[in-house]
Amino acid sequence: QVQLVESGGGLVQAGGSLRLSCAASGRTFSSYGMGWFRQAPGKERELVAAISWSGGHTYHVDSVKGRFTISRDNAKNMVYLQMNSLKPEDTAVYYCAASWGNYVRSDEYDYWGQGTQVTVSS
């Protein structure tokens, strides 16, 4: 089992940056693919970025390519989402999640954090 705790959200102006962190507990963390999801009010939750268990493969949704970067540090049981050039449409609750299966499929995530709010003002 994996427990996930996100941090790093907040209020930022358009064009600014934030770095989200996800602290994981559990001895098998390095065996899981990891992802960052977001959900804005009135919208469906979407997979924003994902990373393989080794960190050697990543996925970023088209709307964040070139602006967001997912990374992980298995020695520290941490996953990160560096967000640059933020836009008002990036405003959402961001969730960290762990997948034992296909980490690029949003329906194959098994464990979830509680979420952290990101608000981008124009």
PDB file of N, CA and C in Angstrom:
ATOM      1  N   GLN A   1       0.845  -1.196   0.000  1.00  0.00           N
ATOM      2  CA  GLN A   1       0.000   0.000   0.000  1.00  0.00           C
ATOM      3  C   GLN A   1       0.878   1.241   0.000  1.00  0.00           C
ATOM      4  N   VAL A   2       0.378   2.311  -0.605  1.00  0.00           N
ATOM      5  CA  VAL A   2       1.125   3.564  -0.719  1.00  0.00           C
ATOM      6  C   VAL A   2       0.263   4.712  -0.217  1.00  0.00           C
ATOM      7  N   GLN A   3       0.815   5.532   0.658  1.00  0.00           N
ATOM      8  CA  GLN A   3       0.152   6.763   1.089  1.00  0.00           C
ATOM      9  C   GLN A   3       0.854   7.943   0.433  1.00  0.00           C
ATOM     10  N   LEU A   4       0.050   8.901  -0.031  1.00  0.00           N
ATOM     11  CA  LEU A   4       0.581  10.029  -0.798  1.00  0.00           C
ATOM     12  C   LEU A   4       0.131  11.349  -0.181  1.00  0.00           C
ATOM     13  N   VAL A   5       1.061  12.287  -0.051  1.00  0.00           N
ATOM     14  CA  VAL A   5       0.754  13.604   0.489  1.00  0.00           C
ATOM     15  C   VAL A   5       1.360  14.666  -0.421  1.00  0.00           C
ATOM     16  N   GLU A   6       0.499  15.513  -0.995  1.00  0.00           N
ATOM     17  CA  GLU A   6       0.957  16.579  -1.882  1.00  0.00           C
ATOM     18  C   GLU A   6       1.230  17.855  -1.103  1.00  0.00           C
ATOM     19  N   SER A   7       2.108  18.678  -1.662  1.00  0.00           N
ATOM     20  CA  SER A   7       2.374  20.005  -1.115  1.00  0.00           C
ATOM     21  C   SER A   7       2.880  20.890  -2.242  1.00  0.00           C
ATOM     22  N   GLY A   8       2.906  22.193  -1.966  1.00  0.00           N
ATOM     23  CA  GLY A   8       3.488  23.121  -2.929  1.00  0.00           C
ATOM     24  C   GLY A   8       2.495  23.953  -3.714  1.00  0.00           C
ATOM     25  N   GLY A   9       1.212  23.693  -3.518  1.00  0.00           N
ATOM     26  CA  GLY A   9       0.226  24.498  -4.219  1.00  0.00           C
ATOM     27  C   GLY A   9       0.157  25.918  -3.663  1.00  0.00           C
ATOM     28  N   GLY A  10      -0.609  26.765  -4.343  1.00  0.00           N
ATOM     29  CA  GLY A  10      -0.756  28.132  -3.877  1.00  0.00           C
ATOM     30  C   GLY A  10      -1.304  29.028  -4.946  1.00  0.00           C
ATOM     31  N   LEU A  11      -1.195  30.333  -4.679  1.00  0.00           N
ATOM     32  CA  LEU A  11      -1.667  31.361  -5.598  1.00  0.00           C
ATOM     33  C   LEU A  11      -0.461  31.978  -6.303  1.00  0.00           C
ATOM     34  N   VAL A  12      -0.535  32.058  -7.618  1.00  0.00           N
ATOM     35  CA  VAL A  12       0.573  32.613  -8.391  1.00  0.00           C
ATOM     36  C   VAL A  12      -0.003  33.409  -9.558  1.00  0.00           C
ATOM     37  N   GLN A  13       0.722  34.415  -9.998  1.00  0.00           N
ATOM     38  CA  GLN A  13       0.291  35.191 -11.146  1.00  0.00           C
ATOM     39  C   GLN A  13       0.596  34.455 -12.441  1.00  0.00           C
ATOM     40  N   ALA A  14      -0.162  34.761 -13.461  1.00  0.00           N
ATOM     41  CA  ALA A  14       0.084  34.165 -14.779  1.00  0.00           C
ATOM     42  C   ALA A  14       1.535  34.430 -15.192  1.00  0.00           C
ATOM     43  N   GLY A  15       2.149  33.393 -15.754  1.00  0.00           N
ATOM     44  CA  GLY A  15       3.550  33.474 -16.137  1.00  0.00           C
ATOM     45  C   GLY A  15       4.507  33.009 -15.063  1.00  0.00           C
ATOM     46  N   GLY A  16       3.992  32.799 -13.863  1.00  0.00           N
ATOM     47  CA  GLY A  16       4.825  32.370 -12.750  1.00  0.00           C
ATOM     48  C   GLY A  16       5.043  30.869 -12.723  1.00  0.00           C
ATOM     49  N   SER A  17       5.712  30.427 -11.674  1.00  0.00           N
ATOM     50  CA  SER A  17       6.072  29.012 -11.531  1.00  0.00           C
ATOM     51  C   SER A  17       5.696  28.491 -10.151  1.00  0.00           C
ATOM     52  N   LEU A  18       5.440  27.210 -10.095  1.00  0.00           N
ATOM     53  CA  LEU A  18       5.248  26.483  -8.847  1.00  0.00           C
ATOM     54  C   LEU A  18       5.864  25.098  -9.006  1.00  0.00           C
ATOM     55  N   ARG A  19       6.286  24.535  -7.890  1.00  0.00           N
ATOM     56  CA  ARG A  19       6.767  23.159  -7.890  1.00  0.00           C
ATOM     57  C   ARG A  19       5.940  22.358  -6.897  1.00  0.00           C
ATOM     58  N   LEU A  20       5.198  21.410  -7.404  1.00  0.00           N
ATOM     59  CA  LEU A  20       4.436  20.527  -6.544  1.00  0.00           C
ATOM     60  C   LEU A  20       5.294  19.335  -6.137  1.00  0.00           C
ATOM     61  N   SER A  21       5.119  18.914  -4.899  1.00  0.00           N
ATOM     62  CA  SER A  21       5.823  17.747  -4.388  1.00  0.00           C
ATOM     63  C   SER A  21       4.816  16.721  -3.883  1.00  0.00           C
ATOM     64  N   CYS A  22       5.174  15.471  -4.002  1.00  0.00           N
ATOM     65  CA  CYS A  22       4.338  14.382  -3.506  1.00  0.00           C
ATOM     66  C   CYS A  22       5.244  13.436  -2.715  1.00  0.00           C
ATOM     67  N   ALA A  23       4.972  13.344  -1.424  1.00  0.00           N
ATOM     68  CA  ALA A  23       5.731  12.450  -0.556  1.00  0.00           C
ATOM     69  C   ALA A  23       4.975  11.134  -0.428  1.00  0.00           C
ATOM     70  N   ALA A  24       5.667  10.043  -0.702  1.00  0.00           N
ATOM     71  CA  ALA A  24       5.044   8.719  -0.666  1.00  0.00           C
ATOM     72  C   ALA A  24       5.619   7.888   0.465  1.00  0.00           C
ATOM     73  N   SER A  25       4.761   7.139   1.095  1.00  0.00           N
ATOM     74  CA  SER A  25       5.218   6.177   2.097  1.00  0.00           C
ATOM     75  C   SER A  25       4.898   4.779   1.597  1.00  0.00           C
ATOM     76  N   GLY A  26       5.711   3.821   2.009  1.00  0.00           N
ATOM     77  CA  GLY A  26       5.517   2.456   1.524  1.00  0.00           C
ATOM     78  C   GLY A  26       6.788   1.944   0.886  1.00  0.00           C
ATOM     79  N   ARG A  27       7.145   0.730   1.210  1.00  0.00           N
ATOM     80  CA  ARG A  27       8.413   0.176   0.766  1.00  0.00           C
ATOM     81  C   ARG A  27       8.440  -0.109  -0.723  1.00  0.00           C
ATOM     82  N   THR A  28       7.256  -0.185  -1.369  1.00  0.00           N
ATOM     83  CA  THR A  28       7.207  -0.558  -2.780  1.00  0.00           C
ATOM     84  C   THR A  28       7.026   0.643  -3.696  1.00  0.00           C
ATOM     85  N   PHE A  29       7.268   1.852  -3.192  1.00  0.00           N
ATOM     86  CA  PHE A  29       7.038   3.065  -3.988  1.00  0.00           C
ATOM     87  C   PHE A  29       7.729   2.986  -5.334  1.00  0.00           C
ATOM     88  N   SER A  30       8.965   2.533  -5.352  1.00  0.00           N
ATOM     89  CA  SER A  30       9.743   2.544  -6.592  1.00  0.00           C
ATOM     90  C   SER A  30       9.212   1.559  -7.628  1.00  0.00           C
ATOM     91  N   SER A  31       8.238   0.742  -7.262  1.00  0.00           N
ATOM     92  CA  SER A  31       7.636  -0.197  -8.201  1.00  0.00           C
ATOM     93  C   SER A  31       6.436   0.388  -8.936  1.00  0.00           C
ATOM     94  N   TYR A  32       5.975   1.560  -8.513  1.00  0.00           N
ATOM     95  CA  TYR A  32       4.767   2.156  -9.066  1.00  0.00           C
ATOM     96  C   TYR A  32       5.082   3.221 -10.098  1.00  0.00           C
ATOM     97  N   GLY A  33       4.280   3.236 -11.168  1.00  0.00           N
ATOM     98  CA  GLY A  33       4.244   4.413 -12.006  1.00  0.00           C
ATOM     99  C   GLY A  33       3.499   5.506 -11.244  1.00  0.00           C
ATOM    100  N   MET A  34       3.845   6.742 -11.494  1.00  0.00           N
ATOM    101  CA  MET A  34       3.250   7.857 -10.758  1.00  0.00           C
ATOM    102  C   MET A  34       2.678   8.878 -11.724  1.00  0.00           C
ATOM    103  N   GLY A  35       1.637   9.545 -11.272  1.00  0.00           N
ATOM    104  CA  GLY A  35       1.022  10.556 -12.118  1.00  0.00           C
ATOM    105  C   GLY A  35       0.544  11.754 -11.333  1.00  0.00           C
ATOM    106  N   TRP A  36       0.419  12.858 -12.027  1.00  0.00           N
ATOM    107  CA  TRP A  36      -0.228  14.061 -11.498  1.00  0.00           C
ATOM    108  C   TRP A  36      -1.501  14.290 -12.304  1.00  0.00           C
ATOM    109  N   PHE A  37      -2.604  14.429 -11.597  1.00  0.00           N
ATOM    110  CA  PHE A  37      -3.903  14.734 -12.181  1.00  0.00           C
ATOM    111  C   PHE A  37      -4.323  16.119 -11.720  1.00  0.00           C
ATOM    112  N   ARG A  38      -5.290  16.689 -12.421  1.00  0.00           N
ATOM    113  CA  ARG A  38      -5.901  17.931 -11.958  1.00  0.00           C
ATOM    114  C   ARG A  38      -7.392  17.908 -12.263  1.00  0.00           C
ATOM    115  N   GLN A  39      -8.114  18.634 -11.424  1.00  0.00           N
ATOM    116  CA  GLN A  39      -9.554  18.764 -11.625  1.00  0.00           C
ATOM    117  C   GLN A  39      -9.968  20.187 -11.318  1.00  0.00           C
ATOM    118  N   ALA A  40     -10.505  20.858 -12.316  1.00  0.00           N
ATOM    119  CA  ALA A  40     -11.025  22.208 -12.163  1.00  0.00           C
ATOM    120  C   ALA A  40     -12.523  22.130 -11.894  1.00  0.00           C
ATOM    121  N   PRO A  41     -13.083  23.150 -11.270  1.00  0.00           N
ATOM    122  CA  PRO A  41     -14.523  23.132 -10.971  1.00  0.00           C
ATOM    123  C   PRO A  41     -15.350  22.907 -12.230  1.00  0.00           C
ATOM    124  N   GLY A  42     -16.266  21.961 -12.169  1.00  0.00           N
ATOM    125  CA  GLY A  42     -17.153  21.684 -13.292  1.00  0.00           C
ATOM    126  C   GLY A  42     -16.530  20.886 -14.413  1.00  0.00           C
ATOM    127  N   LYS A  43     -15.288  20.459 -14.226  1.00  0.00           N
ATOM    128  CA  LYS A  43     -14.604  19.701 -15.281  1.00  0.00           C
ATOM    129  C   LYS A  43     -14.211  18.313 -14.769  1.00  0.00           C
ATOM    130  N   GLU A  44     -13.966  17.413 -15.706  1.00  0.00           N
ATOM    131  CA  GLU A  44     -13.511  16.082 -15.345  1.00  0.00           C
ATOM    132  C   GLU A  44     -12.045  16.124 -14.929  1.00  0.00           C
ATOM    133  N   ARG A  45     -11.677  15.166 -14.111  1.00  0.00           N
ATOM    134  CA  ARG A  45     -10.289  15.037 -13.729  1.00  0.00           C
ATOM    135  C   ARG A  45      -9.477  14.557 -14.931  1.00  0.00           C
ATOM    136  N   GLU A  46      -8.306  15.150 -15.126  1.00  0.00           N
ATOM    137  CA  GLU A  46      -7.472  14.771 -16.251  1.00  0.00           C
ATOM    138  C   GLU A  46      -6.053  14.443 -15.810  1.00  0.00           C
ATOM    139  N   LEU A  47      -5.464  13.497 -16.511  1.00  0.00           N
ATOM    140  CA  LEU A  47      -4.071  13.140 -16.273  1.00  0.00           C
ATOM    141  C   LEU A  47      -3.187  14.191 -16.934  1.00  0.00           C
ATOM    142  N   VAL A  48      -2.383  14.858 -16.152  1.00  0.00           N
ATOM    143  CA  VAL A  48      -1.543  15.945 -16.642  1.00  0.00           C
ATOM    144  C   VAL A  48      -0.163  15.427 -17.028  1.00  0.00           C
ATOM    145  N   ALA A  49       0.411  14.587 -16.179  1.00  0.00           N
ATOM    146  CA  ALA A  49       1.757  14.073 -16.429  1.00  0.00           C
ATOM    147  C   ALA A  49       1.916  12.747 -15.696  1.00  0.00           C
ATOM    148  N   ALA A  50       2.768  11.878 -16.240  1.00  0.00           N
ATOM    149  CA  ALA A  50       3.005  10.582 -15.619  1.00  0.00           C
ATOM    150  C   ALA A  50       4.446  10.164 -15.852  1.00  0.00           C
ATOM    151  N   ILE A  51       4.923   9.273 -14.976  1.00  0.00           N
ATOM    152  CA  ILE A  51       6.316   8.851 -15.058  1.00  0.00           C
ATOM    153  C   ILE A  51       6.412   7.378 -14.691  1.00  0.00           C
ATOM    154  N   SER A  52       7.278   6.664 -15.381  1.00  0.00           N
ATOM    155  CA  SER A  52       7.448   5.238 -15.128  1.00  0.00           C
ATOM    156  C   SER A  52       8.138   5.003 -13.792  1.00  0.00           C
ATOM    157  N   TRP A  53       8.158   3.739 -13.348  1.00  0.00           N
ATOM    158  CA  TRP A  53       8.725   3.437 -12.037  1.00  0.00           C
ATOM    159  C   TRP A  53      10.198   3.830 -11.941  1.00  0.00           C
ATOM    160  N   SER A  54      10.908   3.725 -13.068  1.00  0.00           N
ATOM    161  CA  SER A  54      12.332   4.050 -13.068  1.00  0.00           C
ATOM    162  C   SER A  54      12.604   5.522 -13.309  1.00  0.00           C
ATOM    163  N   GLY A  55      11.600   6.224 -13.803  1.00  0.00           N
ATOM    164  CA  GLY A  55      11.800   7.615 -14.195  1.00  0.00           C
ATOM    165  C   GLY A  55      12.299   7.763 -15.620  1.00  0.00           C
ATOM    166  N   GLY A  56      12.478   6.656 -16.305  1.00  0.00           N
ATOM    167  CA  GLY A  56      13.047   6.714 -17.640  1.00  0.00           C
ATOM    168  C   GLY A  56      12.072   7.103 -18.730  1.00  0.00           C
ATOM    169  N   HIS A  57      10.788   7.028 -18.413  1.00  0.00           N
ATOM    170  CA  HIS A  57       9.767   7.369 -19.405  1.00  0.00           C
ATOM    171  C   HIS A  57       8.762   8.307 -18.763  1.00  0.00           C
ATOM    172  N   THR A  58       8.386   9.349 -19.510  1.00  0.00           N
ATOM    173  CA  THR A  58       7.412  10.303 -19.015  1.00  0.00           C
ATOM    174  C   THR A  58       6.354  10.578 -20.074  1.00  0.00           C
ATOM    175  N   TYR A  59       5.226  11.079 -19.579  1.00  0.00           N
ATOM    176  CA  TYR A  59       4.108  11.496 -20.431  1.00  0.00           C
ATOM    177  C   TYR A  59       3.639  12.856 -19.922  1.00  0.00           C
ATOM    178  N   HIS A  60       3.355  13.765 -20.858  1.00  0.00           N
ATOM    179  CA  HIS A  60       2.754  15.060 -20.518  1.00  0.00           C
ATOM    180  C   HIS A  60       1.623  15.333 -21.504  1.00  0.00           C
ATOM    181  N   VAL A  61       0.490  15.737 -20.987  1.00  0.00           N
ATOM    182  CA  VAL A  61      -0.633  16.065 -21.858  1.00  0.00           C
ATOM    183  C   VAL A  61      -0.255  17.269 -22.722  1.00  0.00           C
ATOM    184  N   ASP A  62      -0.805  17.344 -23.904  1.00  0.00           N
ATOM    185  CA  ASP A  62      -0.396  18.375 -24.858  1.00  0.00           C
ATOM    186  C   ASP A  62      -0.488  19.784 -24.291  1.00  0.00           C
ATOM    187  N   SER A  63      -1.494  20.055 -23.486  1.00  0.00           N
ATOM    188  CA  SER A  63      -1.715  21.416 -22.990  1.00  0.00           C
ATOM    189  C   SER A  63      -0.627  21.897 -22.043  1.00  0.00           C
ATOM    190  N   VAL A  64       0.212  20.988 -21.537  1.00  0.00           N
ATOM    191  CA  VAL A  64       1.270  21.402 -20.606  1.00  0.00           C
ATOM    192  C   VAL A  64       2.674  21.110 -21.146  1.00  0.00           C
ATOM    193  N   LYS A  65       2.768  20.504 -22.306  1.00  0.00           N
ATOM    194  CA  LYS A  65       4.089  20.194 -22.869  1.00  0.00           C
ATOM    195  C   LYS A  65       4.911  21.458 -23.040  1.00  0.00           C
ATOM    196  N   GLY A  66       6.161  21.380 -22.617  1.00  0.00           N
ATOM    197  CA  GLY A  66       7.044  22.529 -22.694  1.00  0.00           C
ATOM    198  C   GLY A  66       6.927  23.472 -21.517  1.00  0.00           C
ATOM    199  N   ARG A  67       5.922  23.252 -20.661  1.00  0.00           N
ATOM    200  CA  ARG A  67       5.738  24.114 -19.482  1.00  0.00           C
ATOM    201  C   ARG A  67       5.868  23.337 -18.172  1.00  0.00           C
ATOM    202  N   PHE A  68       5.358  22.114 -18.155  1.00  0.00           N
ATOM    203  CA  PHE A  68       5.386  21.279 -16.944  1.00  0.00           C
ATOM    204  C   PHE A  68       6.370  20.138 -17.134  1.00  0.00           C
ATOM    205  N   THR A  69       7.002  19.729 -16.038  1.00  0.00           N
ATOM    206  CA  THR A  69       7.915  18.584 -16.082  1.00  0.00           C
ATOM    207  C   THR A  69       7.713  17.725 -14.848  1.00  0.00           C
ATOM    208  N   ILE A  70       7.458  16.449 -15.069  1.00  0.00           N
ATOM    209  CA  ILE A  70       7.341  15.506 -13.963  1.00  0.00           C
ATOM    210  C   ILE A  70       8.684  14.825 -13.740  1.00  0.00           C
ATOM    211  N   SER A  71       9.003  14.578 -12.472  1.00  0.00           N
ATOM    212  CA  SER A  71      10.236  13.867 -12.137  1.00  0.00           C
ATOM    213  C   SER A  71      10.010  13.100 -10.836  1.00  0.00           C
ATOM    214  N   ARG A  72      10.927  12.207 -10.533  1.00  0.00           N
ATOM    215  CA  ARG A  72      10.814  11.455  -9.289  1.00  0.00           C
ATOM    216  C   ARG A  72      12.205  11.158  -8.729  1.00  0.00           C
ATOM    217  N   ASP A  73      12.248  10.941  -7.419  1.00  0.00           N
ATOM    218  CA  ASP A  73      13.466  10.568  -6.718  1.00  0.00           C
ATOM    219  C   ASP A  73      13.109   9.362  -5.861  1.00  0.00           C
ATOM    220  N   ASN A  74      13.426   8.180  -6.350  1.00  0.00           N
ATOM    221  CA  ASN A  74      13.027   6.962  -5.634  1.00  0.00           C
ATOM    222  C   ASN A  74      13.766   6.809  -4.307  1.00  0.00           C
ATOM    223  N   ALA A  75      14.944   7.367  -4.202  1.00  0.00           N
ATOM    224  CA  ALA A  75      15.685   7.281  -2.939  1.00  0.00           C
ATOM    225  C   ALA A  75      14.992   8.071  -1.833  1.00  0.00           C
ATOM    226  N   LYS A  76      14.255   9.105  -2.224  1.00  0.00           N
ATOM    227  CA  LYS A  76      13.557   9.950  -1.253  1.00  0.00           C
ATOM    228  C   LYS A  76      12.053   9.695  -1.236  1.00  0.00           C
ATOM    229  N   ASN A  77      11.579   8.757  -2.055  1.00  0.00           N
ATOM    230  CA  ASN A  77      10.136   8.500  -2.165  1.00  0.00           C
ATOM    231  C   ASN A  77       9.358   9.763  -2.513  1.00  0.00           C
ATOM    232  N   MET A  78       9.846  10.489  -3.496  1.00  0.00           N
ATOM    233  CA  MET A  78       9.243  11.766  -3.869  1.00  0.00           C
ATOM    234  C   MET A  78       8.949  11.819  -5.367  1.00  0.00           C
ATOM    235  N   VAL A  79       7.861  12.519  -5.695  1.00  0.00           N
ATOM    236  CA  VAL A  79       7.523  12.835  -7.073  1.00  0.00           C
ATOM    237  C   VAL A  79       7.283  14.332  -7.147  1.00  0.00           C
ATOM    238  N   TYR A  80       7.684  14.938  -8.239  1.00  0.00           N
ATOM    239  CA  TYR A  80       7.588  16.387  -8.379  1.00  0.00           C
ATOM    240  C   TYR A  80       6.875  16.745  -9.687  1.00  0.00           C
ATOM    241  N   LEU A  81       6.275  17.926  -9.674  1.00  0.00           N
ATOM    242  CA  LEU A  81       5.739  18.508 -10.899  1.00  0.00           C
ATOM    243  C   LEU A  81       6.181  19.961 -10.930  1.00  0.00           C
ATOM    244  N   GLN A  82       7.149  20.256 -11.787  1.00  0.00           N
ATOM    245  CA  GLN A  82       7.602  21.626 -11.992  1.00  0.00           C
ATOM    246  C   GLN A  82       6.689  22.275 -13.011  1.00  0.00           C
ATOM    247  N   MET A  83       6.066  23.369 -12.620  1.00  0.00           N
ATOM    248  CA  MET A  83       5.108  24.061 -13.483  1.00  0.00           C
ATOM    249  C   MET A  83       5.604  25.465 -13.765  1.00  0.00           C
ATOM    250  N   ASN A  84       5.913  25.739 -15.013  1.00  0.00           N
ATOM    251  CA  ASN A  84       6.385  27.050 -15.443  1.00  0.00           C
ATOM    252  C   ASN A  84       5.381  27.690 -16.393  1.00  0.00           C
ATOM    253  N   SER A  85       5.530  28.977 -16.592  1.00  0.00           N
ATOM    254  CA  SER A  85       4.651  29.719 -17.519  1.00  0.00           C
ATOM    255  C   SER A  85       3.184  29.397 -17.252  1.00  0.00           C
ATOM    256  N   LEU A  86       2.800  29.472 -16.011  1.00  0.00           N
ATOM    257  CA  LEU A  86       1.439  29.098 -15.625  1.00  0.00           C
ATOM    258  C   LEU A  86       0.408  30.031 -16.234  1.00  0.00           C
ATOM    259  N   LYS A  87      -0.738  29.444 -16.542  1.00  0.00           N
ATOM    260  CA  LYS A  87      -1.843  30.170 -17.151  1.00  0.00           C
ATOM    261  C   LYS A  87      -3.074  30.069 -16.249  1.00  0.00           C
ATOM    262  N   PRO A  88      -4.008  31.012 -16.342  1.00  0.00           N
ATOM    263  CA  PRO A  88      -5.232  30.909 -15.533  1.00  0.00           C
ATOM    264  C   PRO A  88      -5.962  29.584 -15.735  1.00  0.00           C
ATOM    265  N   GLU A  89      -5.891  29.016 -16.917  1.00  0.00           N
ATOM    266  CA  GLU A  89      -6.571  27.743 -17.171  1.00  0.00           C
ATOM    267  C   GLU A  89      -5.894  26.554 -16.504  1.00  0.00           C
ATOM    268  N   ASP A  90      -4.750  26.761 -15.883  1.00  0.00           N
ATOM    269  CA  ASP A  90      -4.106  25.709 -15.093  1.00  0.00           C
ATOM    270  C   ASP A  90      -4.684  25.634 -13.680  1.00  0.00           C
ATOM    271  N   THR A  91      -5.542  26.572 -13.331  1.00  0.00           N
ATOM    272  CA  THR A  91      -6.151  26.579 -12.003  1.00  0.00           C
ATOM    273  C   THR A  91      -6.966  25.307 -11.786  1.00  0.00           C
ATOM    274  N   ALA A  92      -6.655  24.598 -10.703  1.00  0.00           N
ATOM    275  CA  ALA A  92      -7.319  23.324 -10.410  1.00  0.00           C
ATOM    276  C   ALA A  92      -6.782  22.786  -9.089  1.00  0.00           C
ATOM    277  N   VAL A  93      -7.428  21.733  -8.616  1.00  0.00           N
ATOM    278  CA  VAL A  93      -6.842  20.932  -7.550  1.00  0.00           C
ATOM    279  C   VAL A  93      -5.978  19.865  -8.223  1.00  0.00           C
ATOM    280  N   TYR A  94      -4.740  19.762  -7.773  1.00  0.00           N
ATOM    281  CA  TYR A  94      -3.792  18.820  -8.347  1.00  0.00           C
ATOM    282  C   TYR A  94      -3.614  17.639  -7.393  1.00  0.00           C
ATOM    283  N   TYR A  95      -3.681  16.438  -7.968  1.00  0.00           N
ATOM    284  CA  TYR A  95      -3.585  15.208  -7.197  1.00  0.00           C
ATOM    285  C   TYR A  95      -2.402  14.370  -7.662  1.00  0.00           C
ATOM    286  N   CYS A  96      -1.721  13.790  -6.716  1.00  0.00           N
ATOM    287  CA  CYS A  96      -0.684  12.813  -6.978  1.00  0.00           C
ATOM    288  C   CYS A  96      -1.316  11.427  -6.872  1.00  0.00           C
ATOM    289  N   ALA A  97      -0.900  10.508  -7.739  1.00  0.00           N
ATOM    290  CA  ALA A  97      -1.487   9.169  -7.721  1.00  0.00           C
ATOM    291  C   ALA A  97      -0.450   8.128  -8.123  1.00  0.00           C
ATOM    292  N   ALA A  98      -0.679   6.893  -7.687  1.00  0.00           N
ATOM    293  CA  ALA A  98       0.244   5.784  -7.953  1.00  0.00           C
ATOM    294  C   ALA A  98      -0.467   4.682  -8.726  1.00  0.00           C
ATOM    295  N   SER A  99       0.229   4.153  -9.736  1.00  0.00           N
ATOM    296  CA  SER A  99      -0.345   3.122 -10.602  1.00  0.00           C
ATOM    297  C   SER A  99       0.511   1.862 -10.594  1.00  0.00           C
ATOM    298  N   TRP A 100      -0.140   0.737 -10.337  1.00  0.00           N
ATOM    299  CA  TRP A 100       0.545  -0.557 -10.438  1.00  0.00           C
ATOM    300  C   TRP A 100       0.484  -1.080 -11.872  1.00  0.00           C
ATOM    301  N   GLY A 101      -0.392  -0.491 -12.672  1.00  0.00           N
ATOM    302  CA  GLY A 101      -0.587  -0.961 -14.036  1.00  0.00           C
ATOM    303  C   GLY A 101       0.021  -0.030 -15.072  1.00  0.00           C
ATOM    304  N   ASN A 102      -0.766   0.297 -16.068  1.00  0.00           N
ATOM    305  CA  ASN A 102      -0.314   1.172 -17.154  1.00  0.00           C
ATOM    306  C   ASN A 102      -0.461   2.623 -16.724  1.00  0.00           C
ATOM    307  N   TYR A 103       0.638   3.269 -16.411  1.00  0.00           N
ATOM    308  CA  TYR A 103       0.595   4.594 -15.780  1.00  0.00           C
ATOM    309  C   TYR A 103       0.144   5.691 -16.738  1.00  0.00           C
ATOM    310  N   VAL A 104       0.053   5.418 -18.033  1.00  0.00           N
ATOM    311  CA  VAL A 104      -0.431   6.452 -18.948  1.00  0.00           C
ATOM    312  C   VAL A 104      -1.942   6.343 -19.147  1.00  0.00           C
ATOM    313  N   ARG A 105      -2.549   5.358 -18.511  1.00  0.00           N
ATOM    314  CA  ARG A 105      -4.003   5.220 -18.532  1.00  0.00           C
ATOM    315  C   ARG A 105      -4.552   5.769 -17.229  1.00  0.00           C
ATOM    316  N   SER A 106      -5.438   6.755 -17.363  1.00  0.00           N
ATOM    317  CA  SER A 106      -5.942   7.434 -16.165  1.00  0.00           C
ATOM    318  C   SER A 106      -6.819   6.526 -15.314  1.00  0.00           C
ATOM    319  N   ASP A 107      -7.309   5.431 -15.877  1.00  0.00           N
ATOM    320  CA  ASP A 107      -8.178   4.529 -15.115  1.00  0.00           C
ATOM    321  C   ASP A 107      -7.402   3.404 -14.438  1.00  0.00           C
ATOM    322  N   GLU A 108      -6.067   3.478 -14.451  1.00  0.00           N
ATOM    323  CA  GLU A 108      -5.271   2.419 -13.834  1.00  0.00           C
ATOM    324  C   GLU A 108      -4.458   2.924 -12.652  1.00  0.00           C
ATOM    325  N   TYR A 109      -5.023   3.876 -11.924  1.00  0.00           N
ATOM    326  CA  TYR A 109      -4.360   4.385 -10.735  1.00  0.00           C
ATOM    327  C   TYR A 109      -5.040   3.819  -9.494  1.00  0.00           C
ATOM    328  N   ASP A 110      -4.209   3.437  -8.537  1.00  0.00           N
ATOM    329  CA  ASP A 110      -4.685   2.692  -7.377  1.00  0.00           C
ATOM    330  C   ASP A 110      -4.732   3.507  -6.087  1.00  0.00           C
ATOM    331  N   TYR A 111      -3.830   4.451  -5.946  1.00  0.00           N
ATOM    332  CA  TYR A 111      -3.732   5.234  -4.702  1.00  0.00           C
ATOM    333  C   TYR A 111      -3.677   6.713  -5.052  1.00  0.00           C
ATOM    334  N   TRP A 112      -4.303   7.512  -4.177  1.00  0.00           N
ATOM    335  CA  TRP A 112      -4.452   8.945  -4.429  1.00  0.00           C
ATOM    336  C   TRP A 112      -4.095   9.749  -3.189  1.00  0.00           C
ATOM    337  N   GLY A 113      -3.536  10.937  -3.435  1.00  0.00           N
ATOM    338  CA  GLY A 113      -3.350  11.894  -2.361  1.00  0.00           C
ATOM    339  C   GLY A 113      -4.608  12.718  -2.174  1.00  0.00           C
ATOM    340  N   GLN A 114      -4.531  13.661  -1.236  1.00  0.00           N
ATOM    341  CA  GLN A 114      -5.707  14.459  -0.895  1.00  0.00           C
ATOM    342  C   GLN A 114      -5.860  15.686  -1.792  1.00  0.00           C
ATOM    343  N   GLY A 115      -4.835  16.022  -2.532  1.00  0.00           N
ATOM    344  CA  GLY A 115      -4.903  17.144  -3.457  1.00  0.00           C
ATOM    345  C   GLY A 115      -4.335  18.425  -2.886  1.00  0.00           C
ATOM    346  N   THR A 116      -3.872  19.291  -3.777  1.00  0.00           N
ATOM    347  CA  THR A 116      -3.384  20.611  -3.399  1.00  0.00           C
ATOM    348  C   THR A 116      -3.893  21.619  -4.424  1.00  0.00           C
ATOM    349  N   GLN A 117      -4.360  22.772  -3.932  1.00  0.00           N
ATOM    350  CA  GLN A 117      -4.977  23.769  -4.799  1.00  0.00           C
ATOM    351  C   GLN A 117      -3.906  24.623  -5.479  1.00  0.00           C
ATOM    352  N   VAL A 118      -4.058  24.787  -6.787  1.00  0.00           N
ATOM    353  CA  VAL A 118      -3.231  25.718  -7.553  1.00  0.00           C
ATOM    354  C   VAL A 118      -4.167  26.745  -8.181  1.00  0.00           C
ATOM    355  N   THR A 119      -3.894  28.012  -7.906  1.00  0.00           N
ATOM    356  CA  THR A 119      -4.709  29.093  -8.454  1.00  0.00           C
ATOM    357  C   THR A 119      -3.791  30.056  -9.193  1.00  0.00           C
ATOM    358  N   VAL A 120      -4.103  30.289 -10.463  1.00  0.00           N
ATOM    359  CA  VAL A 120      -3.304  31.188 -11.286  1.00  0.00           C
ATOM    360  C   VAL A 120      -4.151  32.402 -11.624  1.00  0.00           C
ATOM    361  N   SER A 121      -3.717  33.560 -11.188  1.00  0.00           N
ATOM    362  CA  SER A 121      -4.464  34.792 -11.432  1.00  0.00           C
ATOM    363  C   SER A 121      -3.977  35.466 -12.715  1.00  0.00           C
ATOM    364  N   SER A 122      -4.910  36.132 -13.372  1.00  0.00           N
ATOM    365  CA  SER A 122      -4.563  36.793 -14.647  1.00  0.00           C
ATOM    366  C   SER A 122      -4.103  38.215 -14.418  1.00  0.00           C
TER     367      SER A 122
END
